Protein backbone atom coordinates (compact mmCIF):
# COMPACT_ATOMS: atom_id res chain seq x y z
CA UNK A 1 125.27 43.63 114.43
CA UNK A 2 128.05 44.55 116.82
CA UNK A 3 125.72 44.74 119.81
CA UNK A 4 124.04 41.40 119.13
CA UNK A 5 124.87 38.24 120.95
CA UNK A 6 127.41 36.11 119.12
CA UNK A 7 124.99 33.49 117.84
CA UNK A 8 127.61 31.58 115.86
CA UNK A 9 128.89 29.24 118.60
CA UNK A 10 125.48 27.86 119.58
CA UNK A 11 124.12 27.80 116.05
CA UNK A 12 127.14 26.08 114.51
CA UNK A 13 127.77 23.62 117.35
CA UNK A 14 127.51 19.99 116.21
CA UNK A 15 124.15 18.55 117.24
CA UNK A 16 125.05 14.87 117.14
CA UNK A 17 122.79 12.06 116.11
CA UNK A 18 121.78 13.64 112.80
CA UNK A 19 123.12 10.83 110.62
CA UNK A 20 124.82 13.34 108.35
CA UNK A 21 128.47 13.19 107.39
CA UNK A 22 130.69 16.01 108.64
CA UNK A 23 130.94 17.76 105.28
CA UNK A 24 127.20 17.80 104.60
CA UNK A 25 126.46 18.89 108.17
CA UNK A 26 128.92 21.79 107.91
CA UNK A 27 127.39 22.98 104.67
CA UNK A 28 123.90 22.84 106.16
CA UNK A 29 124.76 24.74 109.35
CA UNK A 30 126.81 27.43 107.60
CA UNK A 31 124.18 27.92 104.89
CA UNK A 32 121.43 28.19 107.51
CA UNK A 33 123.43 30.79 109.45
CA UNK A 34 123.80 32.82 106.25
CA UNK A 35 120.14 32.52 105.23
CA UNK A 36 118.91 33.60 108.67
CA UNK A 37 121.28 36.57 108.73
CA UNK A 38 123.52 35.43 111.57
CA UNK A 39 126.24 36.15 109.03
CA UNK A 40 124.58 38.82 106.87
CA UNK A 41 125.44 39.96 103.36
CA UNK A 42 128.89 41.54 103.24
CA UNK A 43 130.04 40.14 106.59
CA UNK A 44 133.10 37.92 107.00
CA UNK A 45 132.86 34.39 108.34
CA UNK A 46 135.12 33.46 111.26
CA UNK A 47 138.56 32.09 110.28
CA UNK A 48 138.81 28.43 109.29
CA UNK A 49 140.49 27.47 112.57
CA UNK A 50 137.65 29.03 114.59
CA UNK A 51 134.95 27.51 112.39
CA UNK A 52 136.57 24.08 112.75
CA UNK A 53 136.37 24.42 116.53
CA UNK A 54 132.76 25.63 116.46
CA UNK A 55 131.64 22.91 114.06
CA UNK A 56 133.67 20.15 115.70
CA UNK A 57 135.38 19.14 112.46
CA UNK A 58 138.79 19.42 110.80
CA UNK A 59 139.97 22.51 108.97
CA UNK A 60 140.03 20.44 105.78
CA UNK A 61 136.30 19.75 106.16
CA UNK A 62 135.61 23.45 106.77
CA UNK A 63 137.61 24.29 103.65
CA UNK A 64 135.54 21.82 101.62
CA UNK A 65 132.27 23.20 103.02
CA UNK A 66 133.29 26.77 102.21
CA UNK A 67 134.15 25.60 98.70
CA UNK A 68 130.63 24.23 98.34
CA UNK A 69 129.14 27.53 99.54
CA UNK A 70 131.37 29.38 97.10
CA UNK A 71 130.17 27.16 94.23
CA UNK A 72 126.59 27.92 95.26
CA UNK A 73 127.27 31.65 95.14
CA UNK A 74 126.76 32.17 98.87
CA UNK A 75 130.30 33.32 99.71
CA UNK A 76 133.44 34.62 98.04
CA UNK A 77 137.02 34.46 99.25
CA UNK A 78 139.33 37.47 99.33
CA UNK A 79 143.10 37.12 99.57
CA UNK A 80 145.81 39.14 101.24
CA UNK A 81 145.85 41.20 104.43
CA UNK A 82 142.36 41.52 105.85
CA UNK A 83 141.07 38.82 103.51
CA UNK A 84 138.70 36.02 104.38
CA UNK A 85 135.41 34.41 103.40
CA UNK A 86 132.78 37.06 102.74
CA UNK A 87 129.04 36.39 102.57
CA UNK A 88 127.99 37.14 98.99
CA UNK A 89 124.31 36.22 99.20
CA UNK A 90 121.86 39.08 99.50
CA UNK A 91 118.82 38.37 101.69
CA UNK A 92 115.92 36.86 99.77
CA UNK A 93 112.73 38.90 99.36
CA UNK A 94 109.56 37.38 100.87
CA UNK A 95 107.28 36.07 98.15
CA UNK A 96 110.16 35.33 95.80
CA UNK A 97 110.44 31.55 96.32
CA UNK A 98 106.96 29.95 96.39
CA UNK A 99 107.78 26.68 94.62
CA UNK A 100 110.26 25.36 97.19
CA UNK A 101 107.86 25.68 100.13
CA UNK A 102 104.91 24.31 98.22
CA UNK A 103 106.89 21.17 97.34
CA UNK A 104 107.61 20.50 101.04
CA UNK A 105 104.31 21.75 102.49
CA UNK A 106 103.57 18.83 104.90
CA UNK A 107 107.09 18.82 106.34
CA UNK A 108 107.20 22.59 106.76
CA UNK A 109 103.75 22.83 108.32
CA UNK A 110 104.76 20.12 110.79
CA UNK A 111 107.61 22.43 111.87
CA UNK A 112 104.99 24.97 112.95
CA UNK A 113 103.71 22.47 115.53
CA UNK A 114 107.24 22.01 116.86
CA UNK A 115 107.72 25.78 116.89
CA UNK A 116 104.58 26.23 119.03
CA UNK A 117 106.34 24.20 121.73
CA UNK A 118 109.97 25.34 121.60
CA UNK A 119 109.77 29.10 121.00
CA UNK A 120 107.30 29.93 123.78
CA UNK A 121 109.33 27.64 126.05
CA UNK A 122 112.54 29.45 125.13
CA UNK A 123 110.93 32.79 125.98
CA UNK A 124 109.69 31.41 129.30
CA UNK A 125 113.22 30.31 130.19
CA UNK A 126 114.77 33.58 128.96
CA UNK A 127 112.36 35.59 131.12
CA UNK A 128 113.17 33.34 134.07
CA UNK A 129 116.91 33.90 133.63
CA UNK A 130 118.76 36.82 135.29
CA UNK A 131 119.92 38.87 132.30
CA UNK A 132 123.02 41.03 132.25
CA UNK A 133 123.22 44.53 130.84
CA UNK A 134 124.98 43.06 127.80
CA UNK A 135 122.13 40.55 127.36
CA UNK A 136 119.53 43.32 127.43
CA UNK A 137 121.58 45.46 125.08
CA UNK A 138 121.68 42.53 122.64
CA UNK A 139 117.93 42.04 122.94
CA UNK A 140 117.20 45.72 122.33
CA UNK A 141 119.64 45.85 119.40
CA UNK A 142 117.99 42.84 117.76
CA UNK A 143 114.52 44.32 118.30
CA UNK A 144 115.63 47.70 116.90
CA UNK A 145 117.02 46.00 113.79
CA UNK A 146 113.59 44.54 113.06
CA UNK A 147 111.86 47.88 113.55
CA UNK A 148 114.32 49.84 111.41
CA UNK A 149 114.97 47.29 108.63
CA UNK A 150 115.48 48.96 105.27
CA UNK A 151 113.22 46.64 103.30
CA UNK A 152 111.28 43.35 103.33
CA UNK A 153 114.37 41.17 102.78
CA UNK A 154 116.31 42.86 105.58
CA UNK A 155 113.24 42.74 107.83
CA UNK A 156 112.90 38.97 107.29
CA UNK A 157 116.49 38.30 108.37
CA UNK A 158 116.29 40.74 111.30
CA UNK A 159 113.10 39.02 112.46
CA UNK A 160 114.85 35.63 112.43
CA UNK A 161 117.83 37.06 114.35
CA UNK A 162 115.52 38.45 117.06
CA UNK A 163 114.03 34.99 117.58
CA UNK A 164 117.51 33.46 117.75
CA UNK A 165 118.64 36.07 120.28
CA UNK A 166 115.60 35.30 122.45
CA UNK A 167 116.54 31.62 122.32
CA UNK A 168 120.18 32.40 123.15
CA UNK A 169 119.08 34.34 126.23
CA UNK A 170 117.73 31.07 127.63
CA UNK A 171 121.32 29.94 128.05
CA UNK A 172 120.51 26.59 126.45
CA UNK A 173 122.45 25.53 123.36
CA UNK A 174 119.82 22.83 122.74
CA UNK A 175 117.06 25.44 122.63
CA UNK A 176 119.09 27.56 120.21
CA UNK A 177 119.49 24.50 117.98
CA UNK A 178 115.75 23.77 118.11
CA UNK A 179 114.76 27.37 117.43
CA UNK A 180 117.25 27.53 114.56
CA UNK A 181 115.56 24.50 113.00
CA UNK A 182 112.10 26.01 113.19
CA UNK A 183 113.29 29.44 112.09
CA UNK A 184 114.87 27.87 109.01
CA UNK A 185 111.49 26.30 108.17
CA UNK A 186 109.57 29.51 108.91
CA UNK A 187 112.05 31.45 106.77
CA UNK A 188 111.47 29.11 103.83
CA UNK A 189 107.70 29.45 104.20
CA UNK A 190 107.74 33.24 104.50
CA UNK A 191 109.78 33.45 101.29
CA UNK A 192 106.81 31.73 99.61
CA UNK A 193 104.21 34.38 100.47
CA UNK A 194 104.02 38.13 99.80
CA UNK A 195 104.72 40.75 102.44
CA UNK A 196 101.44 41.71 104.12
CA UNK A 197 101.58 45.10 105.91
CA UNK A 198 98.79 44.18 108.34
CA UNK A 199 100.67 41.06 109.39
CA UNK A 200 103.90 43.06 109.83
CA UNK A 201 102.00 45.49 112.05
CA UNK A 202 100.60 42.68 114.20
CA UNK A 203 104.00 40.99 114.36
CA UNK A 204 105.66 44.23 115.48
CA UNK A 205 103.22 44.62 118.36
CA UNK A 206 103.78 41.00 119.38
CA UNK A 207 107.57 41.40 119.25
CA UNK A 208 107.29 44.43 121.52
CA UNK A 209 105.18 42.47 124.02
CA UNK A 210 107.63 39.54 123.98
CA UNK A 211 110.68 41.75 124.47
CA UNK A 212 109.00 43.73 127.26
CA UNK A 213 108.02 40.55 129.13
CA UNK A 214 111.49 39.01 128.84
CA UNK A 215 113.15 42.25 129.95
CA UNK A 216 110.79 42.53 132.92
CA UNK A 217 111.47 38.93 133.98
CA UNK A 218 107.85 37.83 133.52
CA UNK A 219 108.00 34.22 132.25
CA UNK A 220 104.29 33.50 131.81
CA UNK A 221 103.46 36.69 129.84
CA UNK A 222 106.57 36.07 127.72
CA UNK A 223 105.41 32.55 126.93
CA UNK A 224 101.86 33.69 126.17
CA UNK A 225 103.02 36.52 123.91
CA UNK A 226 105.19 34.15 121.90
CA UNK A 227 102.38 31.60 121.69
CA UNK A 228 100.11 34.27 120.20
CA UNK A 229 102.84 35.25 117.76
CA UNK A 230 103.42 31.63 116.70
CA UNK A 231 99.68 30.99 116.32
CA UNK A 232 99.11 34.03 114.10
CA UNK A 233 102.09 33.21 111.87
CA UNK A 234 101.02 29.58 111.61
CA UNK A 235 97.47 30.56 110.62
CA UNK A 236 98.82 32.85 107.89
CA UNK A 237 101.21 30.25 106.51
CA UNK A 238 98.68 27.41 106.56
CA UNK A 239 96.26 29.61 104.66
CA UNK A 240 98.62 30.92 101.99
CA UNK A 241 100.97 28.02 101.20
CA UNK A 242 99.18 25.80 98.72
């Protein structure tokens, strides 16, 4: 993860206008960051002072939110020198949580329509943006993590991180927020269906095409490749989620 873009600031930034209280909003954003692997299993969350700045809330609110995550078994706190809040939630295995997605099927499937707009657009903007060597290194590192993931659970989180890195390369915090929303929904849906090797193969080829187009600075092919990727995933999810 050391070569990846620091996704925390954009992902945790307060969105405004959500109608949620500060505490509930903090819990949601931190939990989403953990589920999508921005803060993977065994990693340490930023210090309370830093999280308060990123989330736009008080340290007391951060402390309360971390307490809620601890009660839910998502983090644990270590004391003493080098201590901190450590992510204690292992990545979920695809196919392990069908009931949750089935209960929210209409809402989740609606997110696929939103995704079809924002993710191809984010790739178009990323490919239109002059990228630094560090940006390209982050993109390649994220792509490599997907290709070399140790198992289905790790692959699912690495896949989500690649999509978030592509959004971050657009330079737009609003796009990162939008892509985070749809990736959270996609993540929930993919945990409801089994891993399908043929789909993983197709997805890998599409990821390679997306990354190549963004790296080459070709906005239209980048957009088209992501549209194809979104369409195939949407077809699979609509077919398999009851």
